[in-house]
C-alpha atoms as a PDB file:
ATOM      1  CA  MET A   1      19.551  60.662  32.916  1.00  0.00           C
ATOM      2  CA  SER A   2      20.594  64.219  33.320  1.00  0.00           C
ATOM      3  CA  LYS A   3      24.111  63.166  31.540  1.00  0.00           C
ATOM      4  CA  ILE A   4      22.206  62.076  28.473  1.00  0.00           C
ATOM      5  CA  SER A   5      21.538  64.481  25.640  1.00  0.00           C
ATOM      6  CA  LEU A   6      19.864  63.901  22.372  1.00  0.00           C
ATOM      7  CA  GLU A   7      21.078  66.088  19.560  1.00  0.00           C
ATOM      8  CA  LEU A   8      20.056  66.734  15.612  1.00  0.00           C
ATOM      9  CA  GLY A   9      22.151  68.283  12.951  1.00  0.00           C
ATOM     10  CA  GLY A  10      23.145  69.006   9.568  1.00  0.00           C
ATOM     11  CA  GLY A  11      25.519  70.702   7.348  1.00  0.00           C
ATOM     12  CA  TYR A  12      27.553  71.523   4.456  1.00  0.00           C
ATOM     13  CA  GLY A  13      30.865  69.955   3.085  1.00  0.00           C
ATOM     14  CA  MET A  14      33.431  69.299   0.263  1.00  0.00           C
ATOM     15  CA  HIS A  15      35.085  66.051  -0.403  1.00  0.00           C
ATOM     16  CA  LEU A  16      38.566  65.558  -1.960  1.00  0.00           C
ATOM     17  CA  ASN A  17      39.019  62.222  -3.920  1.00  0.00           C
ATOM     18  CA  ALA A  18      42.010  60.603  -5.137  1.00  0.00           C
ATOM     19  CA  MET A  19      42.469  57.017  -6.851  1.00  0.00           C
ATOM     20  CA  ASP A  20      46.043  55.921  -7.953  1.00  0.00           C
ATOM     21  CA  PHE A  21      44.868  53.983 -10.816  1.00  0.00           C
ATOM     22  CA  ASN A  22      47.015  51.054 -12.098  1.00  0.00           C
ATOM     23  CA  SER A  23      45.495  47.971 -13.736  1.00  0.00           C
ATOM     24  CA  GLY A  24      46.618  45.061 -15.842  1.00  0.00           C
ATOM     25  CA  MET A  25      43.713  45.878 -18.173  1.00  0.00           C
ATOM     26  CA  PRO A  26      43.051  49.377 -18.247  1.00  0.00           C
ATOM     27  CA  ASP A  27      40.578  49.163 -21.446  1.00  0.00           C
ATOM     28  CA  ASN A  28      37.883  48.111 -19.489  1.00  0.00           C
ATOM     29  CA  TYR A  29      37.597  50.981 -17.227  1.00  0.00           C
ATOM     30  CA  PRO A  30      35.412  54.098 -17.941  1.00  0.00           C
ATOM     31  CA  ILE A  31      38.235  56.246 -18.842  1.00  0.00           C
ATOM     32  CA  SER A  32      38.859  58.467 -21.694  1.00  0.00           C
ATOM     33  CA  ILE A  33      40.754  61.089 -23.317  1.00  0.00           C
ATOM     34  CA  ILE A  34      39.830  64.538 -22.687  1.00  0.00           C
ATOM     35  CA  SER A  35      42.763  66.455 -24.248  1.00  0.00           C
ATOM     36  CA  ASP A  36      42.533  67.525 -27.874  1.00  0.00           C
ATOM     37  CA  ASP A  37      45.818  68.111 -28.703  1.00  0.00           C
ATOM     38  CA  GLY A  38      46.857  64.647 -30.468  1.00  0.00           C
ATOM     39  CA  SER A  39      49.726  64.057 -27.824  1.00  0.00           C
ATOM     40  CA  SER A  40      47.733  61.942 -25.160  1.00  0.00           C
ATOM     41  CA  GLN A  41      48.056  58.236 -25.390  1.00  0.00           C
ATOM     42  CA  ASP A  42      46.289  55.502 -23.992  1.00  0.00           C
ATOM     43  CA  ILE A  43      47.048  54.096 -20.384  1.00  0.00           C
ATOM     44  CA  LEU A  44      49.183  51.055 -20.764  1.00  0.00           C
ATOM     45  CA  ALA A  45      48.965  48.117 -18.599  1.00  0.00           C
ATOM     46  CA  GLY A  46      50.888  48.464 -15.182  1.00  0.00           C
ATOM     47  CA  GLU A  47      51.054  52.286 -15.501  1.00  0.00           C
ATOM     48  CA  THR A  48      50.245  54.294 -12.718  1.00  0.00           C
ATOM     49  CA  ARG A  49      47.888  57.320 -13.001  1.00  0.00           C
ATOM     50  CA  THR A  50      46.550  59.734 -10.585  1.00  0.00           C
ATOM     51  CA  PHE A  51      42.930  60.774 -10.737  1.00  0.00           C
ATOM     52  CA  LYS A  52      41.522  63.523  -8.768  1.00  0.00           C
ATOM     53  CA  SER A  53      38.357  65.384  -8.092  1.00  0.00           C
ATOM     54  CA  ASN A  54      36.180  67.781  -5.774  1.00  0.00           C
ATOM     55  CA  SER A  55      32.698  67.642  -4.857  1.00  0.00           C
ATOM     56  CA  SER A  56      29.893  68.946  -2.481  1.00  0.00           C
ATOM     57  CA  ALA A  57      28.198  66.965  -0.024  1.00  0.00           C
ATOM     58  CA  ILE A  58      25.069  67.676   2.512  1.00  0.00           C
ATOM     59  CA  PRO A  59      24.830  65.587   5.637  1.00  0.00           C
ATOM     60  CA  PHE A  60      22.646  65.145   8.533  1.00  0.00           C
ATOM     61  CA  ASP A  61      23.089  63.793  11.937  1.00  0.00           C
ATOM     62  CA  ALA A  62      20.915  62.327  14.908  1.00  0.00           C
ATOM     63  CA  GLY A  63      22.644  60.994  17.632  1.00  0.00           C
ATOM     64  CA  VAL A  64      22.748  60.712  21.428  1.00  0.00           C
ATOM     65  CA  ARG A  65      25.652  61.870  23.894  1.00  0.00           C
ATOM     66  CA  ILE A  66      26.649  60.748  27.927  1.00  0.00           C
ATOM     67  CA  ASP A  67      28.642  63.496  29.921  1.00  0.00           C
ATOM     68  CA  LEU A  68      31.239  61.535  31.874  1.00  0.00           C
ATOM     69  CA  PHE A  69      32.683  63.939  34.585  1.00  0.00           C
ATOM     70  CA  GLY A  70      32.523  67.037  32.658  1.00  0.00           C
ATOM     71  CA  LEU A  71      35.794  65.839  30.891  1.00  0.00           C
ATOM     72  CA  PHE A  72      34.831  63.150  28.611  1.00  0.00           C
ATOM     73  CA  ALA A  73      31.796  62.949  26.195  1.00  0.00           C
ATOM     74  CA  ILE A  74      30.741  59.374  24.665  1.00  0.00           C
ATOM     75  CA  GLY A  75      27.739  58.877  21.920  1.00  0.00           C
ATOM     76  CA  GLY A  76      26.807  57.531  18.607  1.00  0.00           C
ATOM     77  CA  GLY A  77      24.182  58.104  16.112  1.00  0.00           C
ATOM     78  CA  TYR A  78      22.798  57.652  12.766  1.00  0.00           C
ATOM     79  CA  GLY A  79      23.649  60.087   9.645  1.00  0.00           C
ATOM     80  CA  ARG A  80      22.709  60.333   6.105  1.00  0.00           C
ATOM     81  CA  GLU A  81      24.835  62.163   3.422  1.00  0.00           C
ATOM     82  CA  MET A  82      23.675  63.110   0.127  1.00  0.00           C
ATOM     83  CA  GLY A  83      25.874  64.947  -2.568  1.00  0.00           C
ATOM     84  CA  SER A  84      27.479  65.230  -6.241  1.00  0.00           C
ATOM     85  CA  MET A  85      30.227  63.168  -7.232  1.00  0.00           C
ATOM     86  CA  ALA A  86      31.976  64.626 -10.693  1.00  0.00           C
ATOM     87  CA  ALA A  87      34.020  62.530 -13.007  1.00  0.00           C
ATOM     88  CA  LEU A  88      38.153  61.850 -11.775  1.00  0.00           C
ATOM     89  CA  GLU A  89      40.818  63.568 -13.896  1.00  0.00           C
ATOM     90  CA  GLY A  90      44.232  63.433 -14.448  1.00  0.00           C
ATOM     91  CA  ASP A  91      46.508  65.027 -16.797  1.00  0.00           C
ATOM     92  CA  SER A  92      44.808  64.087 -20.168  1.00  0.00           C
ATOM     93  CA  HIS A  93      42.508  61.443 -19.120  1.00  0.00           C
ATOM     94  CA  GLN A  94      38.967  61.288 -17.155  1.00  0.00           C
ATOM     95  CA  PHE A  95      37.505  58.476 -15.192  1.00  0.00           C
ATOM     96  CA  THR A  96      33.906  58.880 -15.456  1.00  0.00           C
ATOM     97  CA  PHE A  97      31.140  57.106 -13.331  1.00  0.00           C
ATOM     98  CA  SER A  98      27.556  55.873 -14.437  1.00  0.00           C
ATOM     99  CA  SER A  99      26.168  58.726 -12.160  1.00  0.00           C
ATOM    100  CA  ASP A 100      26.650  62.015 -10.514  1.00  0.00           C
ATOM    101  CA  LYS A 101      24.741  61.852  -7.119  1.00  0.00           C
ATOM    102  CA  TYR A 102      25.048  59.204  -4.408  1.00  0.00           C
ATOM    103  CA  VAL A 103      23.380  58.685  -0.858  1.00  0.00           C
ATOM    104  CA  PHE A 104      25.292  57.284   1.948  1.00  0.00           C
ATOM    105  CA  ASP A 105      24.088  56.308   5.619  1.00  0.00           C
ATOM    106  CA  LYS A 106      26.329  55.928   8.601  1.00  0.00           C
ATOM    107  CA  MET A 107      26.346  54.576  11.699  1.00  0.00           C
ATOM    108  CA  TYR A 108      29.073  55.902  14.102  1.00  0.00           C
ATOM    109  CA  GLY A 109      30.257  56.542  17.568  1.00  0.00           C
ATOM    110  CA  THR A 110      32.044  59.310  19.160  1.00  0.00           C
ATOM    111  CA  LEU A 111      34.730  60.298  21.761  1.00  0.00           C
ATOM    112  CA  GLY A 112      35.191  63.600  22.773  1.00  0.00           C
ATOM    113  CA  LEU A 113      37.358  65.395  25.534  1.00  0.00           C
ATOM    114  CA  VAL A 114      36.442  68.792  26.884  1.00  0.00           C
ATOM    115  CA  LEU A 115      39.313  71.433  26.150  1.00  0.00           C
ATOM    116  CA  TYR A 116      37.737  74.496  27.967  1.00  0.00           C
ATOM    117  CA  ASP A 117      34.416  75.213  29.617  1.00  0.00           C
ATOM    118  CA  ALA A 118      32.768  77.097  32.755  1.00  0.00           C
ATOM    119  CA  LYS A 119      34.716  74.731  35.145  1.00  0.00           C
ATOM    120  CA  ARG A 120      38.451  75.080  33.479  1.00  0.00           C
ATOM    121  CA  ARG A 121      37.394  78.895  33.152  1.00  0.00           C
ATOM    122  CA  ARG A 122      37.265  79.370  36.796  1.00  0.00           C
ATOM    123  CA  ALA A 123      40.130  77.266  37.626  1.00  0.00           C
ATOM    124  CA  PHE A 124      42.074  79.626  35.126  1.00  0.00           C
ATOM    125  CA  LEU A 125      40.689  82.616  37.296  1.00  0.00           C
ATOM    126  CA  ASN A 126      41.718  81.055  40.165  1.00  0.00           C
ATOM    127  CA  TRP A 127      45.151  80.700  38.548  1.00  0.00           C
ATOM    128  CA  LYS A 128      45.440  84.025  37.273  1.00  0.00           C
ATOM    129  CA  TYR A 129      44.278  85.774  40.496  1.00  0.00           C
ATOM    130  CA  ARG A 130      46.841  83.917  42.590  1.00  0.00           C
ATOM    131  CA  LYS A 131      49.267  86.605  42.712  1.00  0.00           C
ATOM    132  CA  TYR A 132      46.911  88.964  44.128  1.00  0.00           C
ATOM    133  CA  SER A 133      46.700  89.111  48.069  1.00  0.00           C
ATOM    134  CA  GLY A 134      43.756  88.017  50.042  1.00  0.00           C
ATOM    135  CA  ASN A 135      44.221  91.335  51.534  1.00  0.00           C
ATOM    136  CA  ASN A 136      43.155  92.933  48.265  1.00  0.00           C
ATOM    137  CA  HIS A 137      39.589  93.094  48.297  1.00  0.00           C
ATOM    138  CA  TYR A 138      39.278  94.886  45.240  1.00  0.00           C
ATOM    139  CA  MET A 139      40.661  92.336  43.048  1.00  0.00           C
ATOM    140  CA  GLN A 140      39.394  89.267  45.185  1.00  0.00           C
ATOM    141  CA  ALA A 141      36.210  90.720  44.670  1.00  0.00           C
ATOM    142  CA  GLN A 142      36.694  91.106  41.117  1.00  0.00           C
ATOM    143  CA  ARG A 143      37.944  87.431  41.119  1.00  0.00           C
ATOM    144  CA  LYS A 144      34.706  86.359  42.836  1.00  0.00           C
ATOM    145  CA  LEU A 145      32.619  87.956  40.524  1.00  0.00           C
ATOM    146  CA  ARG A 146      33.660  86.639  37.387  1.00  0.00           C
ATOM    147  CA  MET A 147      34.057  83.220  38.486  1.00  0.00           C
ATOM    148  CA  GLU A 148      30.301  83.720  39.581  1.00  0.00           C
ATOM    149  CA  GLN A 149      29.451  84.530  36.074  1.00  0.00           C
ATOM    150  CA  ASN A 150      27.640  82.274  33.720  1.00  0.00           C
ATOM    151  CA  TYR A 151      30.053  81.137  30.829  1.00  0.00           C
ATOM    152  CA  PRO A 152      27.976  79.157  28.353  1.00  0.00           C
ATOM    153  CA  TRP A 153      30.850  78.036  25.727  1.00  0.00           C
ATOM    154  CA  ARG A 154      32.071  74.939  25.607  1.00  0.00           C
ATOM    155  CA  PHE A 155      34.744  73.644  23.533  1.00  0.00           C
ATOM    156  CA  THR A 156      35.314  69.923  22.669  1.00  0.00           C
ATOM    157  CA  LEU A 157      37.724  67.749  20.696  1.00  0.00           C
ATOM    158  CA  GLU A 158      35.926  64.931  19.270  1.00  0.00           C
ATOM    159  CA  GLY A 159      36.724  61.661  17.620  1.00  0.00           C
ATOM    160  CA  GLU A 160      34.497  59.751  15.272  1.00  0.00           C
ATOM    161  CA  TYR A 161      34.428  55.765  14.189  1.00  0.00           C
ATOM    162  CA  GLY A 162      32.008  54.125  12.068  1.00  0.00           C
ATOM    163  CA  SER A 163      30.599  52.274   9.098  1.00  0.00           C
ATOM    164  CA  ILE A 164      29.121  53.534   5.856  1.00  0.00           C
ATOM    165  CA  LYS A 165      26.223  51.942   4.038  1.00  0.00           C
ATOM    166  CA  VAL A 166      25.912  52.769   0.372  1.00  0.00           C
ATOM    167  CA  GLN A 167      22.274  53.558  -0.390  1.00  0.00           C
ATOM    168  CA  GLU A 168      22.321  54.855  -3.941  1.00  0.00           C
ATOM    169  CA  SER A 169      25.835  55.202  -5.271  1.00  0.00           C
ATOM    170  CA  TYR A 170      27.256  56.965  -8.189  1.00  0.00           C
ATOM    171  CA  ASP A 171      28.556  53.876  -9.610  1.00  0.00           C
ATOM    172  CA  ASP A 172      27.532  50.164  -9.021  1.00  0.00           C
ATOM    173  CA  ALA A 173      31.299  48.931  -8.972  1.00  0.00           C
ATOM    174  CA  LEU A 174      31.676  51.167  -5.686  1.00  0.00           C
ATOM    175  CA  THR A 175      31.599  49.636  -2.393  1.00  0.00           C
ATOM    176  CA  ALA A 176      32.202  50.587   1.033  1.00  0.00           C
ATOM    177  CA  THR A 177      34.432  47.915   2.900  1.00  0.00           C
ATOM    178  CA  GLU A 178      36.559  49.966   5.543  1.00  0.00           C
ATOM    179  CA  PRO A 179      35.358  51.722   8.419  1.00  0.00           C
ATOM    180  CA  TYR A 180      35.937  55.643   8.238  1.00  0.00           C
ATOM    181  CA  TYR A 181      37.366  58.041  10.846  1.00  0.00           C
ATOM    182  CA  ALA A 182      37.022  61.515  11.506  1.00  0.00           C
ATOM    183  CA  ILE A 183      38.138  64.415  13.841  1.00  0.00           C
ATOM    184  CA  GLY A 184      36.580  67.720  14.815  1.00  0.00           C
ATOM    185  CA  LEU A 185      36.154  70.542  17.022  1.00  0.00           C
ATOM    186  CA  ARG A 186      32.673  71.132  18.778  1.00  0.00           C
ATOM    187  CA  ILE A 187      31.995  74.752  19.766  1.00  0.00           C
ATOM    188  CA  GLU A 188      28.626  74.749  22.155  1.00  0.00           C
ATOM    189  CA  ARG A 189      26.756  77.608  23.149  1.00  0.00           C
ATOM    190  CA  GLU A 190      24.187  76.750  26.095  1.00  0.00           C
ATOM    191  CA  PHE A 191      20.869  78.637  26.270  1.00  0.00           C
ATOM    192  CA  SER A 192      20.069  76.852  29.502  1.00  0.00           C
ATOM    193  CA  GLU A 193      21.133  73.753  31.588  1.00  0.00           C
ATOM    194  CA  TYR A 194      19.248  71.405  29.048  1.00  0.00           C
ATOM    195  CA  THR A 195      19.414  73.352  26.011  1.00  0.00           C
ATOM    196  CA  LYS A 196      22.185  74.420  23.247  1.00  0.00           C
ATOM    197  CA  ILE A 197      23.398  75.040  20.066  1.00  0.00           C
ATOM    198  CA  PHE A 198      26.762  73.603  18.582  1.00  0.00           C
ATOM    199  CA  LEU A 199      28.783  74.512  15.691  1.00  0.00           C
ATOM    200  CA  LYS A 200      31.464  71.468  14.491  1.00  0.00           C
ATOM    201  CA  PRO A 201      34.297  72.047  11.840  1.00  0.00           C
ATOM    202  CA  ASN A 202      34.792  68.595  10.940  1.00  0.00           C
ATOM    203  CA  ALA A 203      37.204  66.161   9.060  1.00  0.00           C
ATOM    204  CA  SER A 204      36.598  62.631   7.481  1.00  0.00           C
ATOM    205  CA  PHE A 205      39.041  60.409   6.011  1.00  0.00           C
ATOM    206  CA  ARG A 206      37.128  57.169   4.340  1.00  0.00           C
ATOM    207  CA  LYS A 207      37.949  54.424   1.324  1.00  0.00           C
ATOM    208  CA  PHE A 208      35.683  53.018  -0.996  1.00  0.00           C
ATOM    209  CA  ASN A 209      36.713  49.871  -3.118  1.00  0.00           C
ATOM    210  CA  TYR A 210      35.980  50.222  -6.826  1.00  0.00           C
ATOM    211  CA  GLN A 211      35.716  46.642  -8.692  1.00  0.00           C
ATOM    212  CA  LEU A 212      34.388  45.753 -12.104  1.00  0.00           C
ATOM    213  CA  GLU A 213      32.345  42.558 -12.325  1.00  0.00           C
ATOM    214  CA  GLY A 214      34.357  39.597 -13.579  1.00  0.00           C
ATOM    215  CA  LEU A 215      37.779  41.466 -12.650  1.00  0.00           C
ATOM    216  CA  GLU A 216      39.711  40.322  -9.866  1.00  0.00           C
ATOM    217  CA  GLU A 217      41.624  43.711  -9.624  1.00  0.00           C
ATOM    218  CA  SER A 218      40.289  46.513  -7.520  1.00  0.00           C
ATOM    219  CA  GLN A 219      41.134  50.114  -7.484  1.00  0.00           C
ATOM    220  CA  MET A 220      41.015  51.947  -4.312  1.00  0.00           C
ATOM    221  CA  LEU A 221      39.195  55.579  -3.648  1.00  0.00           C
ATOM    222  CA  GLU A 222      40.453  57.868  -1.084  1.00  0.00           C
ATOM    223  CA  GLN A 223      38.104  60.429   0.078  1.00  0.00           C
ATOM    224  CA  LYS A 224      38.479  63.583   2.528  1.00  0.00           C
ATOM    225  CA  LEU A 225      35.389  65.093   3.644  1.00  0.00           C
ATOM    226  CA  PHE A 226      35.499  68.559   4.941  1.00  0.00           C
ATOM    227  CA  THR A 227      32.394  69.499   6.782  1.00  0.00           C
ATOM    228  CA  ILE A 228      30.820  72.153   8.953  1.00  0.00           C
ATOM    229  CA  ASN A 229      27.645  70.777  10.810  1.00  0.00           C
ATOM    230  CA  LEU A 230      25.238  73.172  13.141  1.00  0.00           C
ATOM    231  CA  GLY A 231      22.605  71.669  15.398  1.00  0.00           C
ATOM    232  CA  VAL A 232      20.711  71.812  18.683  1.00  0.00           C
ATOM    233  CA  ALA A 233      20.789  69.246  21.780  1.00  0.00           C
ATOM    234  CA  LEU A 234      18.610  68.695  24.172  1.00  0.00           C
ATOM    235  CA  ARG A 235      19.783  67.357  27.672  1.00  0.00           C
ATOM    236  CA  LEU A 236      17.315  65.128  29.393  1.00  0.00           C
ATOM    237  CA  PRO A 237      16.226  66.595  32.931  1.00  0.00           C
ATOM    238  CA  GLY A 238      16.957  65.401  35.726  1.00  0.00           C
ATOM    239  CA  THR A 239      14.258  66.517  37.824  1.00  0.00           C
ATOM    240  CA  LYS A 240      10.407  67.202  36.850  1.00  0.00           C
ATOM    241  CA  ARG A 241       8.809  70.750  36.680  1.00  0.00           C
ATOM    242  CA  CYS A 242       7.171  71.871  39.634  1.00  0.00           C
ATOM    243  CA  LYS A 243       3.336  71.584  39.579  1.00  0.00           C
ATOM    244  CA  ILE A 244       2.174  72.268  43.346  1.00  0.00           C
ATOM    245  CA  PRO A 245      -0.706  74.769  43.283  1.00  0.00           C
ATOM    246  CA  GLY A 246       0.718  78.585  44.687  1.00  0.00           C
ATOM    247  CA  CYS A 247       4.144  77.885  44.134  1.00  0.00           C
ATOM    248  CA  GLY A 248       6.036  80.541  41.890  1.00  0.00           C
ATOM    249  CA  VAL A 249       9.525  79.821  42.938  1.00  0.00           C
ATOM    250  CA  LYS A 250      11.443  79.967  39.419  1.00  0.00           C
ATOM    251  CA  MET A 251      14.400  78.177  40.346  1.00  0.00           C
ATOM    252  CA  LYS A 252      15.415  74.403  41.566  1.00  0.00           C
ATOM    253  CA  HIS A 253      13.994  74.024  44.712  1.00  0.00           C
ATOM    254  CA  LEU A 254      12.332  71.421  47.536  1.00  0.00           C
ATOM    255  CA  HIS A 255       9.227  70.313  48.478  1.00  0.00           C
ATOM    256  CA  ASN A 256       9.079  67.799  51.356  1.00  0.00           C
ATOM    257  CA  GLY A 257      12.975  66.733  50.226  1.00  0.00           C
ATOM    258  CA  VAL A 258      12.216  66.035  46.745  1.00  0.00           C
ATOM    259  CA  GLY A 259      13.730  68.476  44.237  1.00  0.00           C
ATOM    260  CA  TYR A 260      11.897  70.447  41.264  1.00  0.00           C
ATOM    261  CA  ARG A 261      12.690  72.565  38.295  1.00  0.00           C
ATOM    262  CA  GLY A 262      10.628  75.933  38.624  1.00  0.00           C
ATOM    263  CA  SER A 263      11.212  76.888  35.086  1.00  0.00           C
ATOM    264  CA  SER A 264      10.978  75.387  31.717  1.00  0.00           C
ATOM    265  CA  ILE A 265      13.898  73.511  30.282  1.00  0.00           C
ATOM    266  CA  TRP A 266      14.439  76.371  27.757  1.00  0.00           C
ATOM    267  CA  HIS A 267      15.205  78.901  30.179  1.00  0.00           C
ATOM    268  CA  MET A 268      18.085  79.010  32.972  1.00  0.00           C
ATOM    269  CA  GLN A 269      17.168  77.443  36.369  1.00  0.00           C
ATOM    270  CA  ASN A 270      19.120  79.557  38.775  1.00  0.00           C
ATOM    271  CA  ARG A 271      18.592  82.876  36.950  1.00  0.00           C
ATOM    272  CA  LYS A 272      20.977  85.718  38.272  1.00  0.00           C
ATOM    273  CA  VAL A 273      20.244  89.513  38.546  1.00  0.00           C
ATOM    274  CA  GLY A 274      19.848  90.803  35.066  1.00  0.00           C
ATOM    275  CA  GLN A 275      18.776  87.155  33.591  1.00  0.00           C
ATOM    276  CA  TRP A 276      15.073  87.297  34.026  1.00  0.00           C
ATOM    277  CA  TYR A 277      13.401  87.449  30.700  1.00  0.00           C
END
């Protein structure tokens, strides 16, 4: 149970949109000329035009993660994304949607690879101090002292794969038919063995299908979403809080062979000198 974490987060992002428009019946699409110099012409059948835009998004996520051997982390969750959608523009033409707001839901799974944490820091310190002799008591004492320090940071490279469900679209002709994938760098800071905050810059890549009713052809809208998410994570405690009367031990300890926590999950369990707050 102590390997399972629950987390909640939100953030802000920007999505970049691109559509390589090509149609045999371009007059059926909501395309208008925005240039007033008189030189612009209508898009011809079979002609390819590229439309682009960028807008903002606000994502919220709730998920669960499981730590595997301190090396990998698997998880999954549910997310909701609310944002705006600007009209696509290309050269002197504009592709206009029926609305400028949207709401998406997503279900996803994650797989993370731990790049650096307290365990890897200790291994790095051992490697760094290997050049000093065991008789060099000063440097060996320094190595031991640094290795015993609490290192609260963890850096994880994380991949995400999931599906999008359109709750409120900026156009009824838009559907999310393909899964999306994302990659991000998760930076965690522990406050105790059970509580942490995290910051995660993330890049998502997804596609939407735009198909008007009555037409067999469709257009593909490609979207790149760049977000920065901030959240909190709570690891489920694997031991109970000590309730035995008269026991004032604040660290992890035993009673009749059974392990107990001496402090709440918001505090370090085995605090060192200078950490008693």
